[in-house]
Amino acid sequence: MISSPFTVIQSSTPTPLIVDSPHSGRVYPEDFRYVCPLPLLQQTEDSYVDELVSSAAQSGATVIAAKFARSYIDVNRAEDDIDPDVLGEPWPTPLAPSDRTLLGLGLVRRLCKTGVPVYDAPLPVAEVKNRIVNYYRPYHDALQNAVAGRMRQFGECYLIDCHSMPGQSKENSLAPRTDFVLGDRDGESCDPYFTGRNCTLLREMGYSVALNDPYKGVEIVRRYGNPRAGQHALQLEINRRLYLNEQTLEKTAGFARLQSELADFFRALAFDLRRGTERVAAE
């Protein structure tokens, strides 16, 4: 077990903003007995997204990033979203695997990629429970504590859940994806105004942006998004071709530029949020 499953960067001048990167972890715990090639597992990471968004702390956000690999356990899946075929024995409570999970890509991966198994044998229930207790729940506890703290301090909270996506669509490998995809579960997890403001800022910076297509947001935005209570959660997918060689997983010359422009992006969001909280306080 690693000493801490995640990093937290706090701001000395907080705003209602929280930024997290659940899939950029590069640590493969010792009890992760995978048999597939490590480079294939590494391609499932949201490589360097934690570094791309860490500047948000300078603009008043709490930034939380997982250290462990998402192929070990995926905190952006529900706790019962387990593929029965990855288990060597029955799970003690009912499971609710999604369609994606039944393809081998659930809370604990069964497949590294299509046709390539992660393990050479099903996993004991105790081993999966250990990952949930020592990695999954602590990460969500950190997110929940950050959200609760913002709600107490400001009466509102804005969580941006950051990921990266392949540069091209699997359905049409010749069609490049947009630069960013924003997911708010079709308006369920976030105020449309905040989603729209994110979209406008990115487009003003010259990027192409899609909304809820093909990514609407999964467990993190579902769990922490409650707009009626002032609690907003938005998924942000970054196109890897902007900053990464997707074959070698090496940063390209675009990394520094994107990192700098994301710093400007978070700065602009923070300015909006500070102005909003100051106006409410004055009223």
Protein backbone atom coordinates (compact mmCIF):
# COMPACT_ATOMS: atom_id res chain seq x y z
CA MET A 1 0.00 0.00 0.00
CA ILE A 2 1.30 3.46 -0.88
CA SER A 3 1.66 6.01 1.94
CA SER A 4 -1.16 8.22 0.68
CA PRO A 5 -3.48 7.37 -2.21
CA PHE A 6 -3.88 10.97 -3.36
CA THR A 7 -2.41 14.46 -3.22
CA VAL A 8 -4.23 17.58 -2.07
CA ILE A 9 -3.12 21.12 -2.88
CA GLN A 10 -4.91 23.74 -0.81
CA SER A 11 -5.20 27.42 -1.63
CA SER A 12 -4.53 30.12 0.94
CA THR A 13 -7.26 32.25 -0.69
CA PRO A 14 -10.03 29.77 -1.47
CA THR A 15 -12.92 30.21 -3.85
CA PRO A 16 -15.89 27.82 -4.21
CA LEU A 17 -13.86 25.87 -6.79
CA ILE A 18 -12.54 22.29 -6.48
CA VAL A 19 -10.57 20.55 -9.23
CA ASP A 20 -9.82 16.84 -9.25
CA SER A 21 -7.91 14.39 -11.45
CA PRO A 22 -8.96 10.82 -10.60
CA HIS A 23 -7.25 8.98 -13.48
CA SER A 24 -3.77 10.49 -13.74
CA GLY A 25 -2.18 8.26 -11.08
CA ARG A 26 1.07 6.60 -12.09
CA VAL A 27 1.66 4.33 -9.06
CA TYR A 28 1.03 0.59 -9.48
CA PRO A 29 0.70 -0.93 -5.98
CA GLU A 30 2.73 -4.05 -5.18
CA ASP A 31 -0.36 -6.24 -4.83
CA PHE A 32 -1.50 -5.35 -8.37
CA ARG A 33 -0.59 -8.67 -9.98
CA TYR A 34 -1.34 -7.82 -13.59
CA VAL A 35 -0.09 -10.04 -16.43
CA CYS A 36 -0.76 -7.74 -19.38
CA PRO A 37 2.06 -5.51 -20.69
CA LEU A 38 2.63 -2.49 -18.46
CA PRO A 39 2.70 -0.06 -21.44
CA LEU A 40 -0.89 -1.08 -22.25
CA LEU A 41 -1.99 -0.35 -18.69
CA GLN A 42 -0.21 2.99 -18.81
CA GLN A 43 -2.19 3.93 -21.90
CA THR A 44 -5.34 3.76 -19.76
CA GLU A 45 -4.03 6.62 -17.59
CA ASP A 46 -5.06 10.23 -18.05
CA SER A 47 -1.39 11.00 -18.45
CA TYR A 48 -0.20 14.23 -16.77
CA VAL A 49 -3.67 15.70 -16.29
CA ASP A 50 -2.75 16.31 -12.65
CA GLU A 51 0.15 18.49 -13.83
CA LEU A 52 -1.98 20.29 -16.39
CA VAL A 53 -4.56 21.39 -13.80
CA SER A 54 -2.44 21.88 -10.65
CA SER A 55 -2.27 25.63 -11.34
CA ALA A 56 -5.93 25.87 -10.31
CA ALA A 57 -4.72 26.02 -6.69
CA GLN A 58 -3.10 29.38 -7.45
CA SER A 59 -6.58 30.63 -8.34
CA GLY A 60 -8.30 29.51 -5.16
CA ALA A 61 -9.16 25.89 -5.91
CA THR A 62 -8.48 22.82 -3.83
CA VAL A 63 -6.83 20.35 -6.22
CA ILE A 64 -7.11 16.62 -5.53
CA ALA A 65 -5.33 13.98 -7.64
CA ALA A 66 -5.16 10.21 -7.31
CA LYS A 67 -1.68 8.69 -7.10
CA PHE A 68 -2.74 5.12 -7.92
CA ALA A 69 -3.43 3.86 -11.44
CA ARG A 70 -7.07 3.85 -12.50
CA SER A 71 -6.61 0.30 -13.83
CA TYR A 72 -6.02 -0.81 -10.21
CA ILE A 73 -9.31 0.69 -9.05
CA ASP A 74 -11.40 3.34 -10.76
CA VAL A 75 -12.83 5.98 -8.44
CA ASN A 76 -15.05 7.27 -11.24
CA ARG A 77 -17.22 4.16 -11.00
CA ALA A 78 -19.85 3.37 -8.40
CA GLU A 79 -18.73 1.03 -5.63
CA ASP A 80 -21.08 -1.70 -6.81
CA ASP A 81 -20.16 -1.27 -10.49
CA ILE A 82 -18.18 -4.51 -10.52
CA ASP A 83 -17.86 -7.03 -13.33
CA PRO A 84 -18.83 -10.43 -11.84
CA ASP A 85 -16.38 -12.10 -14.23
CA VAL A 86 -13.40 -10.39 -12.56
CA LEU A 87 -14.26 -12.13 -9.27
CA GLY A 88 -13.30 -15.62 -8.24
CA GLU A 89 -16.26 -15.91 -5.87
CA PRO A 90 -19.67 -14.25 -5.40
CA TRP A 91 -19.76 -10.67 -4.09
CA PRO A 92 -21.58 -10.62 -0.74
CA THR A 93 -24.06 -7.90 -1.77
CA PRO A 94 -25.95 -7.21 -5.03
CA LEU A 95 -23.90 -5.71 -7.88
CA ALA A 96 -25.00 -3.18 -10.49
CA PRO A 97 -22.55 -3.47 -13.38
CA SER A 98 -22.96 -0.94 -16.19
CA ASP A 99 -22.76 -1.90 -19.86
CA ARG A 100 -19.19 -0.60 -19.98
CA THR A 101 -18.29 -2.70 -16.95
CA LEU A 102 -19.64 -5.84 -18.59
CA LEU A 103 -17.15 -5.13 -21.37
CA GLY A 104 -14.40 -5.49 -18.79
CA LEU A 105 -13.90 -1.81 -17.84
CA GLY A 106 -15.52 -1.44 -14.45
CA LEU A 107 -14.49 -0.51 -10.93
CA VAL A 108 -11.72 -3.10 -11.25
CA ARG A 109 -10.70 -3.77 -14.84
CA ARG A 110 -10.93 -7.26 -16.26
CA LEU A 111 -9.52 -6.26 -19.65
CA CYS A 112 -6.65 -3.94 -20.42
CA LYS A 113 -8.00 -3.47 -23.94
CA THR A 114 -10.29 -5.56 -26.12
CA GLY A 115 -9.14 -9.17 -25.94
CA VAL A 116 -6.27 -8.50 -23.52
CA PRO A 117 -6.95 -9.66 -19.92
CA VAL A 118 -5.40 -7.78 -17.01
CA TYR A 119 -5.14 -10.90 -14.81
CA ASP A 120 -4.47 -14.57 -15.36
CA ALA A 121 -7.12 -15.60 -12.81
CA PRO A 122 -10.19 -14.07 -11.15
CA LEU A 123 -9.62 -11.96 -8.04
CA PRO A 124 -10.59 -12.87 -4.47
CA VAL A 125 -13.36 -10.73 -3.00
CA ALA A 126 -11.04 -9.78 -0.13
CA GLU A 127 -8.51 -8.29 -2.56
CA VAL A 128 -11.10 -6.09 -4.26
CA LYS A 129 -12.49 -5.00 -0.88
CA ASN A 130 -8.97 -4.02 0.17
CA ARG A 131 -8.71 -1.69 -2.82
CA ILE A 132 -12.07 -0.15 -2.00
CA VAL A 133 -11.20 0.43 1.66
CA ASN A 134 -7.65 1.69 1.18
CA TYR A 135 -7.90 3.63 -2.11
CA TYR A 136 -11.43 4.19 -3.37
CA ARG A 137 -13.12 5.37 -0.17
CA PRO A 138 -10.25 7.61 1.00
CA TYR A 139 -10.30 9.42 -2.36
CA HIS A 140 -14.04 10.00 -2.12
CA ASP A 141 -13.71 11.02 1.52
CA ALA A 142 -11.22 13.70 0.43
CA LEU A 143 -13.58 14.94 -2.27
CA GLN A 144 -16.57 14.92 0.08
CA ASN A 145 -14.65 16.82 2.75
CA ALA A 146 -13.56 19.43 0.22
CA VAL A 147 -17.11 19.82 -1.06
CA ALA A 148 -18.55 20.07 2.47
CA GLY A 149 -15.94 22.67 3.41
CA ARG A 150 -16.79 24.85 0.41
CA MET A 151 -20.50 24.54 1.14
CA ARG A 152 -19.96 25.65 4.74
CA GLN A 153 -17.75 28.57 3.73
CA PHE A 154 -19.55 29.81 0.63
CA GLY A 155 -22.94 28.11 0.51
CA GLU A 156 -22.01 26.79 -2.93
CA CYS A 157 -19.40 24.61 -4.57
CA TYR A 158 -18.13 24.04 -8.12
CA LEU A 159 -16.26 20.81 -8.80
CA ILE A 160 -14.45 20.32 -12.12
CA ASP A 161 -13.59 16.66 -12.63
CA CYS A 162 -10.68 16.52 -15.09
CA HIS A 163 -9.83 13.74 -17.55
CA SER A 164 -8.14 13.19 -20.90
CA MET A 165 -9.57 11.50 -23.97
CA PRO A 166 -8.08 9.86 -27.06
CA GLY A 167 -7.40 12.25 -29.90
CA GLN A 168 -9.65 10.39 -32.30
CA SER A 169 -12.98 8.65 -32.10
CA LYS A 170 -13.01 4.85 -32.05
CA GLU A 171 -16.09 4.93 -34.26
CA ASN A 172 -14.29 6.95 -36.92
CA SER A 173 -10.53 6.87 -36.51
CA LEU A 174 -10.12 9.49 -39.23
CA ALA A 175 -12.29 12.02 -37.41
CA PRO A 176 -10.42 14.09 -34.80
CA ARG A 177 -12.32 14.86 -31.64
CA THR A 178 -12.93 18.35 -30.34
CA ASP A 179 -10.30 19.84 -28.05
CA PHE A 180 -12.53 19.62 -24.96
CA VAL A 181 -15.74 17.85 -23.98
CA LEU A 182 -17.79 19.20 -21.07
CA GLY A 183 -20.12 16.75 -19.34
CA ASP A 184 -22.89 17.73 -16.95
CA ARG A 185 -25.13 14.69 -17.45
CA ASP A 186 -27.44 16.74 -19.68
CA GLY A 187 -27.79 19.48 -17.09
CA GLU A 188 -28.39 17.20 -14.10
CA SER A 189 -25.09 17.77 -12.28
CA CYS A 190 -24.35 21.44 -12.90
CA ASP A 191 -26.02 24.82 -13.39
CA PRO A 192 -26.19 25.41 -17.19
CA TYR A 193 -24.75 28.88 -16.65
CA PHE A 194 -21.52 27.48 -15.17
CA THR A 195 -21.27 24.85 -17.90
CA GLY A 196 -21.80 27.58 -20.47
CA ARG A 197 -19.21 29.85 -18.88
CA ASN A 198 -16.60 27.05 -19.07
CA CYS A 199 -17.53 26.52 -22.71
CA THR A 200 -17.29 30.23 -23.54
CA LEU A 201 -13.90 30.67 -21.88
CA LEU A 202 -12.40 27.72 -23.72
CA ARG A 203 -13.80 28.84 -27.06
CA GLU A 204 -12.53 32.37 -26.52
CA MET A 205 -9.07 30.81 -26.11
CA GLY A 206 -9.44 29.26 -29.56
CA TYR A 207 -10.41 25.71 -28.58
CA SER A 208 -13.26 23.62 -29.96
CA VAL A 209 -15.70 22.38 -27.32
CA ALA A 210 -18.49 19.78 -27.31
CA LEU A 211 -21.14 19.31 -24.65
CA ASN A 212 -22.10 15.86 -23.31
CA ASP A 213 -20.94 14.15 -26.49
CA PRO A 214 -19.48 11.59 -26.24
CA TYR A 215 -18.86 12.01 -22.49
CA LYS A 216 -21.67 13.05 -20.15
CA GLY A 217 -19.87 12.44 -16.86
CA VAL A 218 -19.89 9.33 -14.69
CA GLU A 219 -19.79 8.62 -10.94
CA ILE A 220 -17.93 11.67 -9.63
CA VAL A 221 -20.17 14.29 -11.21
CA ARG A 222 -23.24 12.16 -10.49
CA ARG A 223 -22.32 11.81 -6.83
CA TYR A 224 -21.28 15.40 -6.12
CA GLY A 225 -23.55 17.32 -8.48
CA ASN A 226 -26.72 18.69 -6.86
CA PRO A 227 -27.44 22.07 -8.48
CA ARG A 228 -30.62 22.70 -6.51
CA ALA A 229 -28.50 22.67 -3.34
CA GLY A 230 -25.83 24.92 -4.85
CA GLN A 231 -23.48 21.99 -5.42
CA HIS A 232 -22.27 21.78 -9.02
CA ALA A 233 -20.09 19.16 -10.72
CA LEU A 234 -18.77 19.32 -14.28
CA GLN A 235 -16.59 16.80 -16.13
CA LEU A 236 -13.82 18.23 -18.29
CA GLU A 237 -12.26 15.98 -20.95
CA ILE A 238 -9.02 17.21 -22.54
CA ASN A 239 -7.96 15.92 -25.95
CA ARG A 240 -4.59 14.18 -25.57
CA ARG A 241 -3.39 15.29 -28.98
CA LEU A 242 -3.08 18.81 -27.54
CA TYR A 243 -0.20 17.80 -25.29
CA LEU A 244 0.76 14.13 -25.59
CA ASN A 245 2.27 11.59 -27.94
CA GLU A 246 -0.38 8.92 -27.46
CA GLN A 247 1.93 6.07 -28.45
CA THR A 248 5.01 6.91 -26.36
CA LEU A 249 3.08 8.83 -23.65
CA GLU A 250 5.69 11.58 -23.83
CA LYS A 251 4.74 15.23 -23.46
CA THR A 252 4.82 17.17 -26.71
CA ALA A 253 5.71 20.81 -27.27
CA GLY A 254 2.03 21.61 -26.73
CA PHE A 255 2.14 20.64 -23.07
CA ALA A 256 3.60 23.90 -21.75
CA ARG A 257 1.21 26.00 -23.80
CA LEU A 258 -1.86 24.04 -22.68
CA GLN A 259 -0.73 24.13 -19.05
CA SER A 260 -0.33 27.92 -19.25
CA GLU A 261 -3.68 28.43 -20.94
CA LEU A 262 -5.45 26.22 -18.40
CA ALA A 263 -3.93 28.41 -15.69
CA ASP A 264 -5.56 31.41 -17.41
CA PHE A 265 -8.81 29.45 -17.67
CA PHE A 266 -8.92 28.68 -13.94
CA ARG A 267 -7.96 32.27 -13.15
CA ALA A 268 -10.93 33.55 -15.14
CA LEU A 269 -13.29 31.08 -13.44
CA ALA A 270 -11.98 32.10 -10.02
CA PHE A 271 -12.53 35.77 -10.85
CA ASP A 272 -16.16 35.00 -11.74
CA LEU A 273 -16.71 32.99 -8.58
CA ARG A 274 -15.10 35.60 -6.31
CA ARG A 275 -17.21 38.32 -7.89
CA GLY A 276 -20.31 36.20 -7.33
CA THR A 277 -19.60 35.45 -3.68
CA GLU A 278 -18.71 39.10 -2.99
CA ARG A 279 -21.99 40.23 -4.56
CA VAL A 280 -23.99 37.77 -2.41
CA ALA A 281 -22.12 38.86 0.73
CA ALA A 282 -22.87 42.50 -0.02
CA GLU A 283 -26.55 41.75 -0.44
